[in-house]
Amino acid sequence: MTRFGDFEPLCRSTPSYPWCNLFYRELQRNAPNSSSPPLASTQNAGFLFRQCANILACAFSSFAVIWLITLSHHRKAAVDPCIPHHLSPHPPLQLLTTGSFLKQGSTALVVFTALHAGAVVALFWTLLGNALVATQLVEDGSPSSLIPFYLLTLVLMAVTTYISLDVALTITNTFEPGNPKDSLHSTALFILTSIWPGAAALLYFILMTWIVSSVLRERRPLVYYVLAAVLFIFSQLAYFLLSRPICDGSNRKIDGSFIATVLETAAVVVLYLAWRSITEDFWIEEQQYY
C-alpha cells in the first residue's frame, strides 16, 4: 500500500525523476540481488547520444536564461526579476542528475542530486518570495525585504541539500529511508521536492493574479501570468504522464523530460514578459527623467 512520502510510484512511472538517485544505495544495500528495483532511471540507457533530446532542451534553457539575465540587467525597476538568476544552475544540474554522465549509485551523482534538490527548493522560494515582495508589505529593495529573502533562500537550499545527502548516504538515522526499503520512503524529502514546488507555484500565481488584476488593474500582464501558469501545468503533465510512454516507445533512450524542460523554459520567458509589462511605465518615466 502506497503511503504519503513514498517515492516508489514516481520512480517507477517517471524514468528520469532525479530524486530517485538518492535511494539507489540504500536499496542496493538491502536488496543487492533484486532483479527489478523500483527505479526506472534512463541512466541505465547508457551513452550520451541517447540523451540528445534532453541535452538540446537543457542547452536551449541555458541560452534562454542567459538571454533573460542580460535583458534584465538593462532595465531598472522596483521588482527585481531574480528568477532567471536562480534558474541558471538548473540546466547543467539536470543534465548531471538525469543524464548518463555519472554512474548510478556513485557519490558524485548523489552529491549533484542533493545540490539539485536544494536548488529546486530555493528556486520555488524565490518565486514565491518575489510575489510576497510585490505585495509591498515591506519596501522592495530595503534590508527588511532583502535580508529575509536571501537568508531563507540559503537556509532552504542548505537544509534540503543536507536532508538529501542524509537520505542517500545515511549520515544519521534521522532521515534514513523508511521501511520497507523498496517503497523509497522519505516524508521530509517528499514534502520538499514534490509538494513544496507545486504549492509555491500555486501561491505565486494566485498572488500575482491578485496584484495585477486588483491592485495594478492591468490586463496584459494578467494574460502573461495565465499563459505562464498554463505552460507550467503542461510541463508537469508532460513530465509525469508522457515520460513512461515516450521512454518505452524509444527503447529507454529518451523520455518526456525534454518536453517538460522546453515548456518550463517557455514559462520563465513569459514570466519575464509579464515583469517587463508591469515595469514598463516605470522604465519609460526613468528614461524621460534622465
Protein backbone atom coordinates (compact mmCIF):
# COMPACT_ATOMS: atom_id res chain seq x y z
CA MET A 1 0.00 0.00 0.00
CA THR A 2 1.40 3.39 -1.03
CA ARG A 3 1.93 5.86 1.81
CA PHE A 4 2.45 9.60 1.85
CA GLY A 5 6.17 10.09 1.32
CA ASP A 6 6.73 7.03 -0.89
CA PHE A 7 8.79 7.78 -4.00
CA GLU A 8 8.33 4.30 -5.45
CA PRO A 9 5.30 5.15 -7.67
CA LEU A 10 7.02 8.26 -9.02
CA CYS A 11 10.32 6.48 -9.62
CA ARG A 12 8.61 3.63 -11.42
CA SER A 13 6.40 5.79 -13.64
CA THR A 14 8.78 8.72 -14.30
CA PRO A 15 12.06 7.40 -15.74
CA SER A 16 14.21 10.49 -15.13
CA TYR A 17 12.82 11.64 -11.78
CA PRO A 18 16.13 12.86 -10.29
CA TRP A 19 15.33 12.33 -6.60
CA CYS A 20 15.20 8.58 -7.16
CA ASN A 21 19.00 8.68 -7.36
CA LEU A 22 19.06 9.31 -3.62
CA PHE A 23 17.57 5.90 -2.81
CA TYR A 24 19.72 3.68 -5.01
CA ARG A 25 22.46 3.00 -2.44
CA GLU A 26 20.04 2.14 0.34
CA LEU A 27 18.07 -0.11 -1.99
CA GLN A 28 21.19 -1.96 -3.11
CA ARG A 29 22.35 -2.45 0.48
CA ASN A 30 19.04 -4.02 1.46
CA ALA A 31 18.23 -5.84 -1.79
CA PRO A 32 21.54 -6.33 -3.63
CA ASN A 33 20.21 -9.25 -5.66
CA SER A 34 16.94 -7.58 -6.65
CA SER A 35 16.35 -8.14 -10.36
CA SER A 36 13.80 -5.37 -10.76
CA PRO A 37 14.37 -2.47 -8.34
CA PRO A 38 11.66 0.20 -8.46
CA LEU A 39 13.98 2.66 -10.14
CA ALA A 40 13.22 3.39 -13.78
CA SER A 41 16.08 5.76 -14.47
CA THR A 42 17.10 6.40 -18.06
CA GLN A 43 20.68 6.39 -16.83
CA ASN A 44 20.58 2.66 -17.48
CA ALA A 45 20.21 3.52 -21.16
CA GLY A 46 23.92 4.33 -21.30
CA PHE A 47 25.52 6.64 -23.79
CA LEU A 48 25.45 10.38 -24.32
CA PHE A 49 23.70 10.32 -27.72
CA ARG A 50 20.73 8.59 -26.12
CA GLN A 51 20.06 11.74 -24.11
CA CYS A 52 20.47 14.10 -27.07
CA ALA A 53 16.90 15.45 -26.76
CA ASN A 54 17.43 16.33 -23.10
CA ILE A 55 20.83 17.84 -23.86
CA LEU A 56 19.36 20.06 -26.57
CA ALA A 57 16.50 21.07 -24.27
CA CYS A 58 18.89 21.98 -21.46
CA ALA A 59 21.09 23.91 -23.89
CA PHE A 60 18.03 25.83 -25.07
CA SER A 61 17.09 26.52 -21.44
CA SER A 62 20.62 27.74 -20.61
CA PHE A 63 20.73 30.14 -23.57
CA ALA A 64 17.24 31.42 -22.74
CA VAL A 65 18.18 32.06 -19.11
CA ILE A 66 21.40 33.86 -20.10
CA TRP A 67 19.42 35.96 -22.57
CA LEU A 68 16.85 36.90 -19.91
CA ILE A 69 19.57 37.80 -17.40
CA THR A 70 21.23 40.02 -19.99
CA LEU A 71 17.97 41.76 -20.82
CA SER A 72 17.05 42.28 -17.17
CA HIS A 73 20.38 43.98 -16.46
CA HIS A 74 19.47 46.69 -18.95
CA ARG A 75 16.33 47.57 -17.01
CA LYS A 76 15.82 49.06 -13.58
CA ALA A 77 12.57 48.58 -11.75
CA ALA A 78 11.04 48.23 -8.33
CA VAL A 79 10.65 44.47 -8.64
CA ASP A 80 13.84 42.50 -9.27
CA PRO A 81 13.44 39.69 -11.83
CA CYS A 82 15.80 37.39 -9.92
CA ILE A 83 14.07 34.21 -11.09
CA PRO A 84 16.31 33.78 -14.19
CA HIS A 85 19.39 34.19 -11.97
CA HIS A 86 18.29 31.40 -9.64
CA LEU A 87 17.24 29.26 -12.59
CA SER A 88 20.69 29.37 -14.20
CA PRO A 89 22.19 26.36 -12.28
CA HIS A 90 19.27 24.06 -13.13
CA PRO A 91 20.01 23.04 -16.76
CA PRO A 92 23.55 21.75 -16.00
CA LEU A 93 22.38 20.10 -12.77
CA GLN A 94 19.52 18.46 -14.62
CA LEU A 95 21.91 17.04 -17.19
CA LEU A 96 24.15 15.63 -14.49
CA THR A 97 21.36 14.11 -12.41
CA THR A 98 19.14 12.70 -15.16
CA GLY A 99 21.63 12.02 -17.94
CA SER A 100 24.11 9.21 -18.44
CA PHE A 101 27.19 11.10 -17.32
CA LEU A 102 27.59 9.69 -13.80
CA LYS A 103 27.35 6.11 -12.61
CA GLN A 104 24.16 5.22 -10.74
CA GLY A 105 24.92 4.94 -7.03
CA SER A 106 28.16 6.91 -7.22
CA THR A 107 28.99 9.54 -4.61
CA ALA A 108 29.28 12.18 -7.32
CA LEU A 109 25.76 11.52 -8.55
CA VAL A 110 24.40 11.61 -5.00
CA VAL A 111 26.09 14.95 -4.29
CA PHE A 112 24.93 16.58 -7.52
CA THR A 113 21.39 15.27 -6.97
CA ALA A 114 21.38 16.70 -3.44
CA LEU A 115 22.57 20.07 -4.77
CA HIS A 116 19.91 19.90 -7.49
CA ALA A 117 17.21 19.26 -4.87
CA GLY A 118 18.42 22.20 -2.81
CA ALA A 119 18.49 24.46 -5.85
CA VAL A 120 14.93 23.48 -6.83
CA VAL A 121 13.54 24.18 -3.36
CA ALA A 122 15.38 27.51 -3.24
CA LEU A 123 14.13 28.43 -6.73
CA PHE A 124 10.49 28.00 -5.80
CA TRP A 125 11.03 30.05 -2.64
CA THR A 126 12.47 32.88 -4.77
CA LEU A 127 9.40 32.60 -6.97
CA LEU A 128 7.04 32.92 -4.01
CA GLY A 129 9.29 35.47 -2.31
CA ASN A 130 9.09 37.75 -5.34
CA ALA A 131 5.30 37.62 -5.19
CA LEU A 132 5.34 38.46 -1.47
CA VAL A 133 7.68 41.41 -2.10
CA ALA A 134 5.39 42.58 -4.91
CA THR A 135 2.56 42.98 -2.40
CA GLN A 136 4.60 45.86 -0.92
CA LEU A 137 4.07 44.65 2.64
CA VAL A 138 7.69 45.63 3.10
CA GLU A 139 9.61 48.13 0.99
CA ASP A 140 11.17 46.44 -2.00
CA GLY A 141 14.97 46.68 -2.07
CA SER A 142 15.22 47.57 1.60
CA PRO A 143 17.13 45.45 4.15
CA SER A 144 13.80 44.38 5.68
CA SER A 145 12.92 42.62 2.43
CA LEU A 146 16.34 41.58 1.12
CA ILE A 147 17.77 40.01 4.30
CA PRO A 148 14.86 37.60 4.97
CA PHE A 149 14.61 36.81 1.25
CA TYR A 150 18.22 35.75 0.78
CA LEU A 151 18.52 34.24 4.25
CA LEU A 152 15.56 31.92 3.61
CA THR A 153 16.96 31.06 0.19
CA LEU A 154 20.25 29.92 1.71
CA VAL A 155 18.58 28.12 4.62
CA LEU A 156 16.16 26.19 2.41
CA MET A 157 18.89 25.19 -0.01
CA ALA A 158 21.22 24.08 2.79
CA VAL A 159 18.53 22.14 4.67
CA THR A 160 17.27 20.38 1.55
CA THR A 161 20.79 19.51 0.42
CA TYR A 162 21.62 18.06 3.84
CA ILE A 163 18.40 16.02 4.04
CA SER A 164 19.05 14.68 0.53
CA LEU A 165 22.59 13.65 1.47
CA ASP A 166 21.35 12.06 4.70
CA VAL A 167 18.73 10.06 2.83
CA ALA A 168 21.28 8.83 0.28
CA LEU A 169 24.33 8.29 2.47
CA THR A 170 22.62 7.59 5.83
CA ILE A 171 24.83 10.11 7.62
CA THR A 172 22.44 9.84 10.58
CA ASN A 173 19.32 7.80 11.27
CA THR A 174 17.13 10.90 11.33
CA PHE A 175 16.25 10.94 7.64
CA GLU A 176 17.02 7.33 6.84
CA PRO A 177 14.59 5.90 4.27
CA GLY A 178 11.69 4.15 5.97
CA ASN A 179 10.66 0.51 5.73
CA PRO A 180 10.11 -1.33 3.53
CA LYS A 181 13.17 -0.07 1.69
CA ASP A 182 11.73 -0.73 -1.75
CA SER A 183 8.98 1.84 -1.05
CA LEU A 184 11.68 4.55 -1.24
CA HIS A 185 10.06 6.39 1.65
CA SER A 186 11.14 9.78 2.97
CA THR A 187 8.42 12.14 4.14
CA ALA A 188 10.72 15.16 4.58
CA LEU A 189 12.26 14.79 1.13
CA PHE A 190 8.85 14.17 -0.44
CA ILE A 191 7.43 17.37 1.04
CA LEU A 192 10.42 19.46 -0.02
CA THR A 193 10.86 18.14 -3.56
CA SER A 194 7.37 17.02 -4.59
CA ILE A 195 4.86 19.08 -2.57
CA TRP A 196 6.63 22.38 -1.95
CA PRO A 197 7.33 23.29 -5.63
CA GLY A 198 3.70 22.87 -6.64
CA ALA A 199 2.39 24.70 -3.56
CA ALA A 200 4.83 27.60 -4.04
CA ALA A 201 3.98 27.93 -7.74
CA LEU A 202 0.24 27.92 -6.96
CA LEU A 203 0.60 30.62 -4.28
CA TYR A 204 2.80 32.67 -6.61
CA PHE A 205 0.26 32.68 -9.44
CA ILE A 206 -2.60 33.44 -7.03
CA LEU A 207 -0.73 36.40 -5.51
CA MET A 208 0.44 37.81 -8.85
CA THR A 209 -3.02 37.43 -10.37
CA TRP A 210 -4.49 39.38 -7.45
CA ILE A 211 -1.78 42.07 -7.64
CA VAL A 212 -2.11 42.56 -11.39
CA SER A 213 -5.91 42.41 -11.59
CA SER A 214 -6.96 44.12 -8.33
CA VAL A 215 -4.07 46.40 -7.40
CA LEU A 216 -2.49 47.41 -10.71
CA ARG A 217 -5.65 46.80 -12.74
CA GLU A 218 -3.63 45.73 -15.78
CA ARG A 219 -4.82 43.25 -18.39
CA ARG A 220 -1.76 42.48 -20.49
CA PRO A 221 0.40 41.24 -17.56
CA LEU A 222 -2.54 39.11 -16.41
CA VAL A 223 -2.59 37.37 -19.79
CA TYR A 224 1.12 36.66 -19.46
CA TYR A 225 0.73 35.19 -15.97
CA VAL A 226 -2.15 32.99 -17.05
CA LEU A 227 -0.14 31.80 -20.06
CA ALA A 228 2.88 31.07 -17.84
CA ALA A 229 0.70 29.06 -15.47
CA VAL A 230 -0.73 27.04 -18.36
CA LEU A 231 2.76 26.32 -19.72
CA PHE A 232 3.96 25.23 -16.29
CA ILE A 233 0.99 22.90 -15.82
CA PHE A 234 1.54 21.38 -19.26
CA SER A 235 5.22 20.87 -18.46
CA GLN A 236 4.37 18.89 -15.34
CA LEU A 237 1.76 16.83 -17.20
CA ALA A 238 4.31 16.05 -19.91
CA TYR A 239 6.89 15.09 -17.31
CA PHE A 240 4.73 12.82 -15.19
CA LEU A 241 2.27 11.45 -17.78
CA LEU A 242 4.26 11.24 -21.03
CA SER A 243 7.64 10.15 -19.69
CA ARG A 244 6.83 6.46 -19.44
CA PRO A 245 5.15 6.12 -22.89
CA ILE A 246 7.99 8.04 -24.58
CA CYS A 247 10.60 6.04 -22.70
CA ASP A 248 9.06 2.70 -23.64
CA GLY A 249 8.46 3.78 -27.22
CA SER A 250 12.10 4.87 -27.69
CA ASN A 251 13.58 1.73 -26.11
CA ARG A 252 14.53 3.75 -22.99
CA LYS A 253 16.63 6.23 -24.95
CA ILE A 254 14.62 9.38 -24.11
CA ASP A 255 11.61 10.35 -22.02
CA GLY A 256 9.27 13.30 -21.52
CA SER A 257 11.77 15.38 -19.54
CA PHE A 258 12.95 17.26 -22.65
CA ILE A 259 9.36 18.37 -23.38
CA ALA A 260 8.96 19.48 -19.76
CA THR A 261 12.24 21.41 -19.91
CA VAL A 262 11.20 23.30 -23.04
CA LEU A 263 7.77 24.16 -21.59
CA GLU A 264 9.25 25.24 -18.25
CA THR A 265 11.73 27.48 -20.07
CA ALA A 266 8.90 28.97 -22.10
CA ALA A 267 7.02 29.65 -18.86
CA VAL A 268 10.03 31.54 -17.47
CA VAL A 269 10.29 33.61 -20.65
CA VAL A 270 6.61 34.53 -20.36
CA LEU A 271 7.12 35.45 -16.69
CA TYR A 272 9.87 37.82 -17.81
CA LEU A 273 7.47 39.38 -20.33
CA ALA A 274 4.94 39.83 -17.53
CA TRP A 275 7.55 41.52 -15.33
CA ARG A 276 8.61 43.78 -18.22
CA SER A 277 4.99 44.70 -18.87
CA ILE A 278 4.43 45.61 -15.23
CA THR A 279 7.57 47.77 -15.02
CA GLU A 280 7.24 49.34 -18.47
CA ASP A 281 5.75 52.62 -17.23
CA PHE A 282 8.46 52.97 -14.59
CA TRP A 283 11.14 52.33 -17.21
CA ILE A 284 9.72 54.96 -19.59
CA GLU A 285 9.48 57.56 -16.82
CA GLU A 286 13.08 56.92 -15.75
CA GLN A 287 14.34 57.25 -19.33
CA GLN A 288 12.50 60.57 -19.69
CA TYR A 289 13.91 61.81 -16.40
CA TYR A 290 17.48 61.20 -17.50
